[in-house]
Amino acid sequence: RNNYREPKLPRVFWGKIIYVTPGSGKTYVANKYRKVVDADDLIVESIQEVCPGFDYDSYYGECPDPRKYIFRFYRYNSTKHIQNKVYARTRQKMINLADEDY
């Protein structure tokens, strides 16, 4: 019999978009709680939608760490217009997820 219970996110954070600085443990929290989404994953999705020609895997191999993917993208795609488009799409994804029933 398995007595493991998944940790529950405090209700005060349900449906919220929380911004914290890099290195503060966002990925740890997203891995700990099932209903927390790491924005890095959403940024990768947005990059793939906005710039489908950016093919990280062909140049660098499979990338299990979204931070490396994002870094490479912004290193070689410094156009503000493209960056803003990726951020706007990511923000909309976050808003949509925060609005979903918990």
N, C-alpha and C. Protein backbone atom coordinates (compact mmCIF):
# COMPACT_ATOMS: atom_id res chain seq x y z
N ARG A 1 0.84 -1.18 0.00
CA ARG A 1 0.00 0.00 0.00
C ARG A 1 0.89 1.24 0.00
N ASN A 2 0.57 2.15 -0.87
CA ASN A 2 1.37 3.38 -1.01
C ASN A 2 0.69 4.51 -0.24
N ASN A 3 1.38 5.04 0.77
CA ASN A 3 0.83 6.13 1.57
C ASN A 3 1.29 7.50 1.10
N TYR A 4 1.94 7.56 -0.05
CA TYR A 4 2.46 8.84 -0.56
C TYR A 4 1.29 9.75 -0.92
N ARG A 5 1.34 10.97 -0.42
CA ARG A 5 0.34 11.98 -0.80
C ARG A 5 1.07 13.12 -1.50
N GLU A 6 0.52 13.52 -2.60
CA GLU A 6 1.11 14.63 -3.34
C GLU A 6 0.97 15.91 -2.53
N PRO A 7 2.06 16.71 -2.44
CA PRO A 7 1.94 17.97 -1.70
C PRO A 7 0.95 18.91 -2.38
N LYS A 8 0.23 19.66 -1.60
CA LYS A 8 -0.77 20.59 -2.14
C LYS A 8 -0.24 22.02 -2.06
N LEU A 9 -0.43 22.73 -3.13
CA LEU A 9 -0.05 24.13 -3.19
C LEU A 9 -1.02 24.93 -2.31
N PRO A 10 -0.51 25.82 -1.48
CA PRO A 10 -1.41 26.63 -0.65
C PRO A 10 -2.44 27.37 -1.51
N ARG A 11 -3.67 27.39 -1.05
CA ARG A 11 -4.79 27.97 -1.81
C ARG A 11 -4.54 29.41 -2.23
N VAL A 12 -3.79 30.16 -1.45
CA VAL A 12 -3.53 31.57 -1.76
C VAL A 12 -2.86 31.74 -3.13
N PHE A 13 -2.19 30.68 -3.62
CA PHE A 13 -1.48 30.76 -4.89
C PHE A 13 -2.28 30.19 -6.06
N TRP A 14 -3.43 29.59 -5.81
CA TRP A 14 -4.22 28.98 -6.88
C TRP A 14 -4.62 30.05 -7.90
N GLY A 15 -4.42 29.75 -9.19
CA GLY A 15 -4.84 30.64 -10.26
C GLY A 15 -4.03 31.92 -10.36
N LYS A 16 -2.87 31.95 -9.75
CA LYS A 16 -2.04 33.16 -9.75
C LYS A 16 -0.84 32.99 -10.67
N ILE A 17 -0.41 34.08 -11.24
CA ILE A 17 0.85 34.13 -11.97
C ILE A 17 1.83 34.79 -11.03
N ILE A 18 2.88 34.06 -10.70
CA ILE A 18 3.84 34.54 -9.72
C ILE A 18 5.18 34.74 -10.42
N TYR A 19 5.68 35.95 -10.38
CA TYR A 19 6.99 36.23 -10.98
C TYR A 19 8.04 36.28 -9.87
N VAL A 20 9.07 35.52 -10.07
CA VAL A 20 10.21 35.57 -9.15
C VAL A 20 11.48 35.59 -9.98
N THR A 21 12.53 36.06 -9.40
CA THR A 21 13.78 36.24 -10.13
C THR A 21 14.45 34.90 -10.44
N PRO A 22 15.31 34.88 -11.46
CA PRO A 22 16.04 33.65 -11.79
C PRO A 22 16.84 33.14 -10.60
N GLY A 23 16.85 31.82 -10.47
CA GLY A 23 17.62 31.20 -9.41
C GLY A 23 16.88 31.10 -8.09
N SER A 24 15.61 31.46 -8.07
CA SER A 24 14.87 31.46 -6.80
C SER A 24 14.13 30.14 -6.54
N GLY A 25 14.22 29.20 -7.45
CA GLY A 25 13.62 27.89 -7.22
C GLY A 25 12.32 27.63 -7.93
N LYS A 26 12.03 28.35 -9.01
CA LYS A 26 10.78 28.15 -9.75
C LYS A 26 10.66 26.71 -10.26
N THR A 27 11.73 26.20 -10.85
CA THR A 27 11.68 24.86 -11.41
C THR A 27 11.49 23.83 -10.31
N TYR A 28 12.12 24.02 -9.17
CA TYR A 28 11.94 23.11 -8.04
C TYR A 28 10.46 23.07 -7.62
N VAL A 29 9.86 24.24 -7.49
CA VAL A 29 8.45 24.31 -7.08
C VAL A 29 7.56 23.67 -8.14
N ALA A 30 7.84 23.95 -9.42
CA ALA A 30 7.03 23.37 -10.50
C ALA A 30 7.15 21.85 -10.53
N ASN A 31 8.31 21.33 -10.17
CA ASN A 31 8.48 19.87 -10.13
C ASN A 31 7.82 19.26 -8.89
N LYS A 32 7.72 20.02 -7.82
CA LYS A 32 7.15 19.52 -6.57
C LYS A 32 5.63 19.48 -6.61
N TYR A 33 5.02 20.49 -7.20
CA TYR A 33 3.56 20.58 -7.23
C TYR A 33 3.04 20.29 -8.63
N ARG A 34 2.09 19.38 -8.72
CA ARG A 34 1.58 18.92 -10.01
C ARG A 34 0.91 20.04 -10.80
N LYS A 35 0.23 20.95 -10.16
CA LYS A 35 -0.53 21.97 -10.88
C LYS A 35 0.19 23.31 -10.98
N VAL A 36 1.51 23.28 -10.90
CA VAL A 36 2.31 24.49 -11.08
C VAL A 36 3.05 24.33 -12.40
N VAL A 37 2.99 25.35 -13.23
CA VAL A 37 3.64 25.31 -14.53
C VAL A 37 4.88 26.19 -14.49
N ASP A 38 5.99 25.65 -14.94
CA ASP A 38 7.23 26.41 -15.04
C ASP A 38 7.16 27.23 -16.33
N ALA A 39 7.30 28.52 -16.21
CA ALA A 39 7.21 29.39 -17.38
C ALA A 39 8.27 29.08 -18.42
N ASP A 40 9.40 28.50 -18.01
CA ASP A 40 10.43 28.13 -18.99
C ASP A 40 9.85 27.19 -20.05
N ASP A 41 9.01 26.26 -19.63
CA ASP A 41 8.38 25.34 -20.59
C ASP A 41 7.45 26.10 -21.54
N LEU A 42 6.75 27.09 -21.02
CA LEU A 42 5.86 27.90 -21.87
C LEU A 42 6.65 28.77 -22.84
N ILE A 43 7.80 29.27 -22.39
CA ILE A 43 8.65 30.08 -23.28
C ILE A 43 9.15 29.22 -24.43
N VAL A 44 9.57 27.99 -24.14
CA VAL A 44 10.02 27.08 -25.20
C VAL A 44 8.89 26.84 -26.20
N GLU A 45 7.68 26.58 -25.71
CA GLU A 45 6.53 26.40 -26.60
C GLU A 45 6.32 27.63 -27.47
N SER A 46 6.40 28.81 -26.87
CA SER A 46 6.18 30.06 -27.60
C SER A 46 7.26 30.27 -28.66
N ILE A 47 8.50 29.98 -28.32
CA ILE A 47 9.59 30.11 -29.29
C ILE A 47 9.31 29.21 -30.49
N GLN A 48 8.90 27.97 -30.23
CA GLN A 48 8.63 27.03 -31.32
C GLN A 48 7.47 27.49 -32.19
N GLU A 49 6.50 28.18 -31.60
CA GLU A 49 5.36 28.68 -32.37
C GLU A 49 5.71 29.94 -33.15
N VAL A 50 6.46 30.85 -32.53
CA VAL A 50 6.81 32.12 -33.17
C VAL A 50 7.90 31.94 -34.21
N CYS A 51 8.86 31.09 -33.92
CA CYS A 51 10.02 30.86 -34.81
C CYS A 51 10.21 29.37 -35.05
N PRO A 52 9.32 28.76 -35.83
CA PRO A 52 9.45 27.31 -36.04
C PRO A 52 10.76 26.92 -36.72
N GLY A 53 11.43 27.86 -37.34
CA GLY A 53 12.70 27.58 -38.00
C GLY A 53 13.87 27.45 -37.03
N PHE A 54 13.68 27.83 -35.76
CA PHE A 54 14.74 27.69 -34.77
C PHE A 54 14.78 26.24 -34.35
N ASP A 55 15.78 25.53 -34.83
CA ASP A 55 15.88 24.09 -34.62
C ASP A 55 17.08 23.77 -33.74
N TYR A 56 16.89 23.86 -32.45
CA TYR A 56 17.96 23.64 -31.48
C TYR A 56 18.56 22.25 -31.63
N ASP A 57 17.71 21.24 -31.73
CA ASP A 57 18.17 19.86 -31.75
C ASP A 57 19.13 19.56 -32.90
N SER A 58 18.89 20.13 -34.07
CA SER A 58 19.75 19.87 -35.22
C SER A 58 21.16 20.40 -35.00
N TYR A 59 21.27 21.51 -34.30
CA TYR A 59 22.57 22.14 -34.11
C TYR A 59 23.29 21.67 -32.84
N TYR A 60 22.54 21.44 -31.78
CA TYR A 60 23.17 21.18 -30.48
C TYR A 60 22.82 19.82 -29.88
N GLY A 61 21.94 19.07 -30.52
CA GLY A 61 21.48 17.81 -29.95
C GLY A 61 20.25 18.04 -29.08
N GLU A 62 19.71 16.95 -28.57
CA GLU A 62 18.50 17.07 -27.75
C GLU A 62 18.77 17.93 -26.52
N CYS A 63 17.82 18.77 -26.19
CA CYS A 63 17.99 19.72 -25.09
C CYS A 63 16.97 19.44 -23.98
N PRO A 64 17.38 18.70 -22.94
CA PRO A 64 16.45 18.41 -21.86
C PRO A 64 16.23 19.61 -20.92
N ASP A 65 17.10 20.62 -20.99
CA ASP A 65 17.02 21.77 -20.10
C ASP A 65 16.47 22.96 -20.87
N PRO A 66 15.24 23.39 -20.57
CA PRO A 66 14.65 24.50 -21.32
C PRO A 66 15.45 25.80 -21.19
N ARG A 67 16.17 25.97 -20.09
CA ARG A 67 16.96 27.19 -19.92
C ARG A 67 18.04 27.31 -20.99
N LYS A 68 18.65 26.20 -21.36
CA LYS A 68 19.67 26.23 -22.43
C LYS A 68 19.03 26.59 -23.77
N TYR A 69 17.87 26.01 -24.02
CA TYR A 69 17.14 26.29 -25.26
C TYR A 69 16.83 27.78 -25.36
N ILE A 70 16.29 28.33 -24.27
CA ILE A 70 15.91 29.75 -24.24
C ILE A 70 17.14 30.63 -24.41
N PHE A 71 18.22 30.31 -23.71
CA PHE A 71 19.46 31.08 -23.81
C PHE A 71 19.97 31.11 -25.25
N ARG A 72 20.02 29.95 -25.88
CA ARG A 72 20.50 29.88 -27.27
C ARG A 72 19.60 30.70 -28.20
N PHE A 73 18.31 30.59 -28.00
CA PHE A 73 17.39 31.34 -28.85
C PHE A 73 17.65 32.83 -28.74
N TYR A 74 17.69 33.35 -27.52
CA TYR A 74 17.88 34.79 -27.35
C TYR A 74 19.28 35.25 -27.70
N ARG A 75 20.22 34.36 -27.61
CA ARG A 75 21.59 34.72 -28.00
C ARG A 75 21.67 35.00 -29.50
N TYR A 76 20.92 34.23 -30.27
CA TYR A 76 21.00 34.38 -31.73
C TYR A 76 19.80 35.10 -32.33
N ASN A 77 18.81 35.43 -31.55
CA ASN A 77 17.62 36.14 -32.02
C ASN A 77 17.39 37.35 -31.14
N SER A 78 18.20 38.35 -31.34
CA SER A 78 18.15 39.52 -30.47
C SER A 78 17.20 40.60 -30.95
N THR A 79 16.41 40.33 -31.98
CA THR A 79 15.45 41.30 -32.48
C THR A 79 14.35 41.53 -31.44
N LYS A 80 14.19 42.77 -31.01
CA LYS A 80 13.20 43.11 -29.99
C LYS A 80 11.78 42.71 -30.41
N HIS A 81 11.48 42.86 -31.69
CA HIS A 81 10.16 42.51 -32.19
C HIS A 81 9.87 41.02 -31.93
N ILE A 82 10.81 40.17 -32.24
CA ILE A 82 10.64 38.73 -32.04
C ILE A 82 10.57 38.40 -30.54
N GLN A 83 11.46 39.00 -29.75
CA GLN A 83 11.46 38.76 -28.31
C GLN A 83 10.11 39.15 -27.71
N ASN A 84 9.60 40.32 -28.09
CA ASN A 84 8.32 40.78 -27.56
C ASN A 84 7.17 39.86 -27.97
N LYS A 85 7.26 39.33 -29.18
CA LYS A 85 6.24 38.42 -29.67
C LYS A 85 6.24 37.12 -28.84
N VAL A 86 7.44 36.61 -28.55
CA VAL A 86 7.56 35.40 -27.72
C VAL A 86 7.02 35.68 -26.32
N TYR A 87 7.41 36.80 -25.72
CA TYR A 87 6.95 37.12 -24.37
C TYR A 87 5.44 37.33 -24.33
N ALA A 88 4.88 37.98 -25.33
CA ALA A 88 3.42 38.21 -25.36
C ALA A 88 2.68 36.87 -25.45
N ARG A 89 3.17 35.98 -26.27
CA ARG A 89 2.52 34.67 -26.41
C ARG A 89 2.64 33.88 -25.11
N THR A 90 3.81 33.95 -24.48
CA THR A 90 4.02 33.23 -23.22
C THR A 90 3.09 33.79 -22.14
N ARG A 91 2.99 35.10 -22.08
CA ARG A 91 2.11 35.74 -21.09
C ARG A 91 0.67 35.30 -21.29
N GLN A 92 0.22 35.23 -22.53
CA GLN A 92 -1.15 34.80 -22.80
C GLN A 92 -1.35 33.35 -22.37
N LYS A 93 -0.35 32.50 -22.59
CA LYS A 93 -0.43 31.11 -22.15
C LYS A 93 -0.56 31.05 -20.62
N MET A 94 0.21 31.89 -19.92
CA MET A 94 0.14 31.91 -18.46
C MET A 94 -1.24 32.36 -17.98
N ILE A 95 -1.77 33.40 -18.61
CA ILE A 95 -3.10 33.90 -18.24
C ILE A 95 -4.15 32.83 -18.47
N ASN A 96 -4.08 32.16 -19.59
CA ASN A 96 -5.04 31.09 -19.90
C ASN A 96 -4.97 29.96 -18.86
N LEU A 97 -3.76 29.57 -18.49
CA LEU A 97 -3.61 28.50 -17.50
C LEU A 97 -4.09 28.95 -16.12
N ALA A 98 -3.80 30.20 -15.76
CA ALA A 98 -4.22 30.70 -14.45
C ALA A 98 -5.74 30.79 -14.36
N ASP A 99 -6.41 30.99 -15.49
CA ASP A 99 -7.87 31.11 -15.51
C ASP A 99 -8.58 29.76 -15.45
N GLU A 100 -7.84 28.67 -15.70
CA GLU A 100 -8.46 27.34 -15.68
C GLU A 100 -8.90 26.99 -14.27
N ASP A 101 -9.93 26.19 -14.18
CA ASP A 101 -10.37 25.70 -12.87
C ASP A 101 -9.27 24.87 -12.25
N TYR A 102 -9.04 25.08 -10.99
CA TYR A 102 -8.00 24.35 -10.28
C TYR A 102 -8.54 23.00 -9.93
